[in-house]
Amino acid sequence: MKKRTNSLTYYVTFFAGLALFSFIVLNVSKEPEIDQYAIVTVKAGDTLWGLANEYQANHQLSTVDFIDWVEKQNNIEKKDLKEGEEIYIPVLKDKLNNTLVAKTQ
């Protein structure tokens, strides 16, 4: 009977730990919602390459990954960039706002 109790305790502990681990992994690795990202207005002469370099301090992507992300999230191609258009960039609003505040102080 004691052997059976130890076995049951082991399985309950194992599955509880597995459930907790799964919960943590699913919640920590979530991509932020699109509305949490910064929006920029395209100016004359802007390119996705230039925007990637301009905001380089605020994201951890390579230039190519930045461009791919912008194209995918905004459903555009780099050749379709139009002046006055608002596009999402892979920089969280909070991070961008903190950088702007630091620069003005």
N, C-alpha and C. Protein backbone atom coordinates (compact mmCIF):
# COMPACT_ATOMS: atom_id res chain seq x y z
N MET A 1 0.82 -1.19 0.00
CA MET A 1 0.00 0.00 0.00
C MET A 1 0.86 1.26 0.00
N LYS A 2 1.96 1.25 0.79
CA LYS A 2 2.83 2.41 0.86
C LYS A 2 3.48 2.66 -0.51
N LYS A 3 3.85 1.59 -1.21
CA LYS A 3 4.46 1.71 -2.52
C LYS A 3 3.49 2.37 -3.50
N ARG A 4 2.23 2.01 -3.40
CA ARG A 4 1.21 2.56 -4.28
C ARG A 4 0.99 4.05 -3.98
N THR A 5 1.02 4.44 -2.71
CA THR A 5 0.85 5.83 -2.31
C THR A 5 2.01 6.67 -2.82
N ASN A 6 3.23 6.14 -2.69
CA ASN A 6 4.41 6.86 -3.19
C ASN A 6 4.32 7.05 -4.70
N SER A 7 3.86 6.03 -5.39
CA SER A 7 3.73 6.11 -6.84
C SER A 7 2.69 7.14 -7.24
N LEU A 8 1.55 7.16 -6.53
CA LEU A 8 0.50 8.12 -6.80
C LEU A 8 0.99 9.54 -6.51
N THR A 9 1.70 9.73 -5.42
CA THR A 9 2.25 11.04 -5.09
C THR A 9 3.22 11.49 -6.17
N TYR A 10 4.05 10.59 -6.65
CA TYR A 10 5.00 10.91 -7.73
C TYR A 10 4.26 11.39 -8.97
N TYR A 11 3.24 10.67 -9.39
CA TYR A 11 2.51 11.04 -10.61
C TYR A 11 1.75 12.37 -10.45
N VAL A 12 1.14 12.58 -9.30
CA VAL A 12 0.42 13.83 -9.06
C VAL A 12 1.40 15.00 -9.09
N THR A 13 2.53 14.83 -8.42
CA THR A 13 3.55 15.88 -8.40
C THR A 13 4.09 16.14 -9.80
N PHE A 14 4.37 15.08 -10.54
CA PHE A 14 4.90 15.20 -11.89
C PHE A 14 3.93 15.97 -12.80
N PHE A 15 2.67 15.58 -12.79
CA PHE A 15 1.69 16.23 -13.68
C PHE A 15 1.37 17.66 -13.23
N ALA A 16 1.40 17.93 -11.94
CA ALA A 16 1.20 19.29 -11.46
C ALA A 16 2.36 20.17 -11.91
N GLY A 17 3.57 19.64 -11.81
CA GLY A 17 4.75 20.38 -12.27
C GLY A 17 4.71 20.61 -13.77
N LEU A 18 4.30 19.61 -14.51
CA LEU A 18 4.18 19.73 -15.97
C LEU A 18 3.14 20.78 -16.35
N ALA A 19 2.02 20.78 -15.65
CA ALA A 19 0.98 21.78 -15.93
C ALA A 19 1.49 23.18 -15.62
N LEU A 20 2.18 23.36 -14.51
CA LEU A 20 2.73 24.66 -14.15
C LEU A 20 3.76 25.12 -15.17
N PHE A 21 4.64 24.22 -15.58
CA PHE A 21 5.66 24.55 -16.59
C PHE A 21 4.99 24.95 -17.91
N SER A 22 3.99 24.21 -18.33
CA SER A 22 3.28 24.53 -19.58
C SER A 22 2.61 25.89 -19.50
N PHE A 23 1.98 26.18 -18.39
CA PHE A 23 1.33 27.47 -18.19
C PHE A 23 2.34 28.61 -18.30
N ILE A 24 3.48 28.46 -17.65
CA ILE A 24 4.51 29.50 -17.66
C ILE A 24 5.06 29.70 -19.07
N VAL A 25 5.37 28.62 -19.76
CA VAL A 25 5.92 28.71 -21.11
C VAL A 25 4.93 29.38 -22.06
N LEU A 26 3.68 29.02 -21.99
CA LEU A 26 2.68 29.59 -22.88
C LEU A 26 2.45 31.07 -22.62
N ASN A 27 2.52 31.50 -21.38
CA ASN A 27 2.27 32.91 -21.05
C ASN A 27 3.50 33.79 -21.21
N VAL A 28 4.67 33.25 -20.99
CA VAL A 28 5.88 34.05 -21.10
C VAL A 28 6.28 34.25 -22.56
N SER A 29 6.05 33.26 -23.39
CA SER A 29 6.52 33.33 -24.77
C SER A 29 5.49 33.94 -25.73
N LYS A 30 4.45 34.54 -25.20
CA LYS A 30 3.44 35.16 -26.06
C LYS A 30 4.00 36.39 -26.76
N GLU A 31 3.72 36.51 -28.02
CA GLU A 31 4.06 37.71 -28.79
C GLU A 31 3.08 38.81 -28.38
N PRO A 32 3.57 40.02 -28.17
CA PRO A 32 2.64 41.10 -27.82
C PRO A 32 1.60 41.32 -28.93
N GLU A 33 0.45 41.83 -28.55
CA GLU A 33 -0.58 42.16 -29.53
C GLU A 33 -0.08 43.28 -30.43
N ILE A 34 -0.58 43.32 -31.66
CA ILE A 34 -0.12 44.29 -32.65
C ILE A 34 -0.30 45.72 -32.16
N ASP A 35 -1.35 46.00 -31.40
CA ASP A 35 -1.58 47.37 -30.95
C ASP A 35 -0.60 47.84 -29.86
N GLN A 36 0.26 46.93 -29.40
CA GLN A 36 1.30 47.31 -28.43
C GLN A 36 2.57 47.81 -29.13
N TYR A 37 2.60 47.68 -30.46
CA TYR A 37 3.75 48.13 -31.23
C TYR A 37 3.56 49.57 -31.69
N ALA A 38 4.67 50.26 -31.91
CA ALA A 38 4.65 51.65 -32.34
C ALA A 38 4.16 51.76 -33.79
N ILE A 39 3.53 52.88 -34.07
CA ILE A 39 3.09 53.21 -35.43
C ILE A 39 3.90 54.42 -35.88
N VAL A 40 4.44 54.33 -37.08
CA VAL A 40 5.14 55.49 -37.65
C VAL A 40 4.44 55.91 -38.93
N THR A 41 4.52 57.19 -39.22
CA THR A 41 3.97 57.73 -40.46
C THR A 41 5.12 57.85 -41.45
N VAL A 42 4.95 57.24 -42.60
CA VAL A 42 5.98 57.23 -43.63
C VAL A 42 6.14 58.64 -44.19
N LYS A 43 7.39 59.10 -44.23
CA LYS A 43 7.71 60.41 -44.80
C LYS A 43 8.29 60.21 -46.20
N ALA A 44 8.32 61.28 -46.98
CA ALA A 44 8.90 61.21 -48.32
C ALA A 44 10.34 60.71 -48.22
N GLY A 45 10.67 59.74 -49.03
CA GLY A 45 12.03 59.20 -49.05
C GLY A 45 12.29 58.08 -48.06
N ASP A 46 11.34 57.80 -47.17
CA ASP A 46 11.53 56.71 -46.21
C ASP A 46 11.58 55.37 -46.92
N THR A 47 12.41 54.49 -46.39
CA THR A 47 12.47 53.10 -46.85
C THR A 47 12.41 52.22 -45.61
N LEU A 48 12.04 50.97 -45.80
CA LEU A 48 12.02 50.05 -44.65
C LEU A 48 13.43 49.84 -44.13
N TRP A 49 14.40 49.81 -45.03
CA TRP A 49 15.81 49.67 -44.63
C TRP A 49 16.20 50.84 -43.72
N GLY A 50 15.83 52.06 -44.14
CA GLY A 50 16.14 53.25 -43.36
C GLY A 50 15.43 53.27 -42.02
N LEU A 51 14.16 52.85 -41.99
CA LEU A 51 13.42 52.79 -40.73
C LEU A 51 14.05 51.77 -39.78
N ALA A 52 14.48 50.64 -40.33
CA ALA A 52 15.13 49.61 -39.50
C ALA A 52 16.39 50.19 -38.85
N ASN A 53 17.14 50.96 -39.61
CA ASN A 53 18.35 51.57 -39.06
C ASN A 53 18.02 52.70 -38.08
N GLU A 54 17.00 53.49 -38.39
CA GLU A 54 16.60 54.61 -37.52
C GLU A 54 16.17 54.13 -36.14
N TYR A 55 15.47 53.01 -36.09
CA TYR A 55 14.95 52.49 -34.82
C TYR A 55 15.78 51.32 -34.28
N GLN A 56 16.98 51.15 -34.79
CA GLN A 56 17.83 50.01 -34.43
C GLN A 56 18.06 49.90 -32.92
N ALA A 57 18.18 51.00 -32.23
CA ALA A 57 18.41 50.97 -30.78
C ALA A 57 17.20 50.46 -30.01
N ASN A 58 16.03 50.40 -30.67
CA ASN A 58 14.79 50.02 -29.99
C ASN A 58 14.30 48.62 -30.34
N HIS A 59 15.02 47.90 -31.17
CA HIS A 59 14.61 46.53 -31.50
C HIS A 59 15.84 45.63 -31.57
N GLN A 60 15.61 44.35 -31.50
CA GLN A 60 16.70 43.38 -31.49
C GLN A 60 16.76 42.55 -32.76
N LEU A 61 16.16 43.04 -33.83
CA LEU A 61 16.09 42.29 -35.08
C LEU A 61 17.19 42.73 -36.04
N SER A 62 17.54 41.83 -36.94
CA SER A 62 18.43 42.23 -38.03
C SER A 62 17.61 43.12 -38.96
N THR A 63 18.26 43.83 -39.83
CA THR A 63 17.56 44.71 -40.77
C THR A 63 16.59 43.91 -41.63
N VAL A 64 17.03 42.76 -42.10
CA VAL A 64 16.18 41.90 -42.94
C VAL A 64 14.97 41.41 -42.15
N ASP A 65 15.18 40.99 -40.90
CA ASP A 65 14.07 40.52 -40.08
C ASP A 65 13.09 41.66 -39.77
N PHE A 66 13.61 42.88 -39.54
CA PHE A 66 12.77 44.05 -39.32
C PHE A 66 11.87 44.27 -40.53
N ILE A 67 12.47 44.26 -41.71
CA ILE A 67 11.72 44.49 -42.95
C ILE A 67 10.67 43.39 -43.15
N ASP A 68 11.06 42.14 -42.94
CA ASP A 68 10.11 41.03 -43.09
C ASP A 68 8.93 41.18 -42.14
N TRP A 69 9.22 41.56 -40.88
CA TRP A 69 8.17 41.73 -39.88
C TRP A 69 7.20 42.83 -40.32
N VAL A 70 7.74 43.98 -40.75
CA VAL A 70 6.90 45.11 -41.16
C VAL A 70 6.03 44.72 -42.35
N GLU A 71 6.63 44.05 -43.33
CA GLU A 71 5.86 43.63 -44.52
C GLU A 71 4.73 42.68 -44.13
N LYS A 72 5.03 41.73 -43.27
CA LYS A 72 4.02 40.74 -42.87
C LYS A 72 2.90 41.36 -42.04
N GLN A 73 3.27 42.15 -41.02
CA GLN A 73 2.26 42.70 -40.11
C GLN A 73 1.40 43.78 -40.76
N ASN A 74 1.95 44.48 -41.74
CA ASN A 74 1.21 45.56 -42.40
C ASN A 74 0.66 45.15 -43.75
N ASN A 75 0.93 43.90 -44.13
CA ASN A 75 0.46 43.37 -45.41
C ASN A 75 0.87 44.27 -46.58
N ILE A 76 2.17 44.60 -46.59
CA ILE A 76 2.71 45.44 -47.65
C ILE A 76 4.01 44.83 -48.17
N GLU A 77 4.48 45.37 -49.28
CA GLU A 77 5.82 45.06 -49.78
C GLU A 77 6.61 46.35 -49.75
N LYS A 78 7.94 46.22 -49.61
CA LYS A 78 8.75 47.44 -49.46
C LYS A 78 8.58 48.41 -50.61
N LYS A 79 8.28 47.90 -51.79
CA LYS A 79 8.09 48.79 -52.94
C LYS A 79 6.76 49.54 -52.87
N ASP A 80 5.84 49.09 -51.98
CA ASP A 80 4.52 49.71 -51.85
C ASP A 80 4.45 50.78 -50.76
N LEU A 81 5.58 51.15 -50.17
CA LEU A 81 5.60 52.15 -49.11
C LEU A 81 5.19 53.51 -49.69
N LYS A 82 4.19 54.12 -49.05
CA LYS A 82 3.66 55.40 -49.56
C LYS A 82 3.76 56.48 -48.49
N GLU A 83 4.11 57.68 -48.92
CA GLU A 83 4.19 58.82 -48.02
C GLU A 83 2.83 59.04 -47.34
N GLY A 84 2.87 59.29 -46.03
CA GLY A 84 1.64 59.53 -45.26
C GLY A 84 1.02 58.26 -44.71
N GLU A 85 1.46 57.12 -45.17
CA GLU A 85 0.93 55.83 -44.71
C GLU A 85 1.41 55.57 -43.28
N GLU A 86 0.53 55.03 -42.45
CA GLU A 86 0.92 54.65 -41.09
C GLU A 86 1.16 53.15 -41.05
N ILE A 87 2.31 52.78 -40.53
CA ILE A 87 2.67 51.36 -40.45
C ILE A 87 3.16 51.02 -39.05
N TYR A 88 2.92 49.75 -38.67
CA TYR A 88 3.45 49.24 -37.42
C TYR A 88 4.91 48.88 -37.64
N ILE A 89 5.73 49.13 -36.62
CA ILE A 89 7.12 48.68 -36.63
C ILE A 89 7.35 47.82 -35.40
N PRO A 90 8.32 46.90 -35.45
CA PRO A 90 8.53 45.98 -34.33
C PRO A 90 9.28 46.61 -33.15
N VAL A 91 8.72 47.72 -32.67
CA VAL A 91 9.23 48.41 -31.50
C VAL A 91 8.04 48.62 -30.58
N LEU A 92 8.13 48.13 -29.36
CA LEU A 92 7.02 48.30 -28.43
C LEU A 92 6.85 49.78 -28.10
N LYS A 93 5.60 50.23 -28.03
CA LYS A 93 5.30 51.63 -27.74
C LYS A 93 5.99 52.09 -26.46
N ASP A 94 5.92 51.26 -25.42
CA ASP A 94 6.53 51.62 -24.14
C ASP A 94 8.03 51.87 -24.28
N LYS A 95 8.69 51.01 -25.04
CA LYS A 95 10.14 51.16 -25.21
C LYS A 95 10.46 52.42 -26.00
N LEU A 96 9.68 52.70 -27.02
CA LEU A 96 9.90 53.88 -27.84
C LEU A 96 9.63 55.15 -27.03
N ASN A 97 8.56 55.16 -26.25
CA ASN A 97 8.23 56.32 -25.41
C ASN A 97 9.32 56.58 -24.38
N ASN A 98 9.85 55.52 -23.78
CA ASN A 98 10.92 55.68 -22.79
C ASN A 98 12.17 56.25 -23.43
N THR A 99 12.49 55.85 -24.65
CA THR A 99 13.66 56.36 -25.35
C THR A 99 13.48 57.84 -25.68
N LEU A 100 12.28 58.21 -26.14
CA LEU A 100 12.01 59.61 -26.47
C LEU A 100 12.08 60.49 -25.24
N VAL A 101 11.56 60.03 -24.13
CA VAL A 101 11.62 60.80 -22.88
C VAL A 101 13.06 60.99 -22.45
N ALA A 102 13.86 59.94 -22.54
CA ALA A 102 15.27 60.03 -22.13
C ALA A 102 16.04 61.02 -23.01
N LYS A 103 15.73 61.07 -24.30
CA LYS A 103 16.44 61.97 -25.21
C LYS A 103 16.08 63.43 -24.96
N THR A 104 14.86 63.71 -24.50
CA THR A 104 14.44 65.09 -24.31
C THR A 104 14.86 65.65 -22.95
N GLN A 105 15.31 64.80 -22.06
CA GLN A 105 15.70 65.28 -20.72
C GLN A 105 17.15 65.70 -20.68
